Amino acid sequence: MLCNSAKYLKKQSNHYKHGLPAPDFPQGKGESENKGRSLPSDVLDPIARRMLGLDPLINTSESSPGELALIQEANKILGF
């Protein structure tokens, strides 16, 4: 399940970077040609950046060994 979510997030992140609709929405040019559209550099909040697949997921001191393994696998899929 996590691998599927991470794979979707990878696609979603790519679409966002190019101004395209999310992979599960009707396709088209989206905002790709709009001047002033949101860019990855506009997203400053660290949580939002992780949610958009722009930054790697992080572990906490409370992460279990299983959670750490999942986070590492997801980051690998995301290209981090």
Protein backbone atom coordinates (compact mmCIF):
# COMPACT_ATOMS: atom_id res chain seq x y z
CA MET A 1 0.00 0.00 0.00
CA LEU A 2 2.73 2.49 0.92
CA CYS A 3 4.62 1.74 -2.27
CA ASN A 4 1.50 2.56 -4.29
CA SER A 5 1.04 5.79 -2.34
CA ALA A 6 4.68 6.76 -2.83
CA LYS A 7 4.46 5.97 -6.55
CA TYR A 8 1.34 8.13 -6.84
CA LEU A 9 3.03 10.95 -4.90
CA LYS A 10 5.99 10.77 -7.29
CA LYS A 11 3.61 11.22 -10.26
CA GLN A 12 1.67 13.96 -8.46
CA SER A 13 4.86 15.82 -7.64
CA ASN A 14 5.99 15.65 -11.26
CA HIS A 15 2.63 16.95 -12.46
CA TYR A 16 2.71 19.81 -9.93
CA LYS A 17 6.21 20.82 -11.00
CA HIS A 18 5.01 21.08 -14.60
CA GLY A 19 1.67 22.76 -13.82
CA LEU A 20 -0.36 19.74 -14.94
CA PRO A 21 -3.52 18.34 -13.34
CA ALA A 22 -3.12 15.55 -10.80
CA PRO A 23 -2.75 12.09 -12.38
CA ASP A 24 -6.28 11.08 -11.32
CA PHE A 25 -7.95 14.16 -12.87
CA PRO A 26 -8.81 14.76 -16.52
CA GLN A 27 -5.59 15.62 -18.32
CA GLY A 28 -4.77 18.70 -20.32
CA LYS A 29 -2.52 21.72 -20.10
CA GLY A 30 -3.71 22.58 -16.59
CA GLU A 31 -1.86 25.65 -15.37
CA SER A 32 1.32 24.85 -17.28
CA GLU A 33 1.04 27.96 -19.45
CA ASN A 34 -0.23 30.32 -16.73
CA LYS A 35 2.14 33.05 -15.64
CA GLY A 36 2.24 33.43 -11.88
CA ARG A 37 1.21 29.84 -11.14
CA SER A 38 2.49 28.23 -7.99
CA LEU A 39 5.99 26.79 -8.33
CA PRO A 40 7.86 24.41 -6.02
CA SER A 41 10.00 27.36 -4.85
CA ASP A 42 6.80 29.08 -3.64
CA VAL A 43 6.03 26.27 -1.18
CA LEU A 44 7.84 27.26 2.00
CA ASP A 45 6.12 25.16 4.65
CA PRO A 46 8.18 22.00 5.33
CA ILE A 47 5.10 19.85 5.92
CA ALA A 48 3.48 21.05 2.68
CA ARG A 49 6.72 20.36 0.81
CA ARG A 50 6.74 16.76 2.06
CA MET A 51 3.04 16.37 1.24
CA LEU A 52 3.76 17.47 -2.34
CA GLY A 53 6.73 15.13 -2.66
CA LEU A 54 9.15 18.05 -2.96
CA ASP A 55 11.22 17.07 0.09
CA PRO A 56 11.98 13.68 1.60
CA LEU A 57 9.79 12.22 4.30
CA ILE A 58 11.37 12.38 7.73
CA ASN A 59 11.48 10.05 10.70
CA THR A 60 11.08 11.09 14.27
CA SER A 61 12.66 9.85 17.43
CA GLU A 62 9.41 7.94 17.96
CA SER A 63 9.55 6.09 14.62
CA SER A 64 9.60 2.33 15.01
CA PRO A 65 12.04 0.21 12.99
CA GLY A 66 9.17 -0.74 10.66
CA GLU A 67 8.23 2.90 10.14
CA LEU A 68 11.86 3.78 9.43
CA ALA A 69 12.00 1.07 6.76
CA LEU A 70 8.79 2.37 5.14
CA ILE A 71 10.05 5.95 5.18
CA GLN A 72 13.33 4.88 3.58
CA GLU A 73 11.49 2.91 0.88
CA ALA A 74 9.11 5.79 0.15
CA ASN A 75 12.01 8.26 -0.09
CA LYS A 76 13.78 5.89 -2.47
CA ILE A 77 10.68 5.77 -4.70
CA LEU A 78 10.43 9.58 -4.52
CA GLY A 79 14.03 9.89 -5.66
CA PHE A 80 15.60 11.01 -2.38
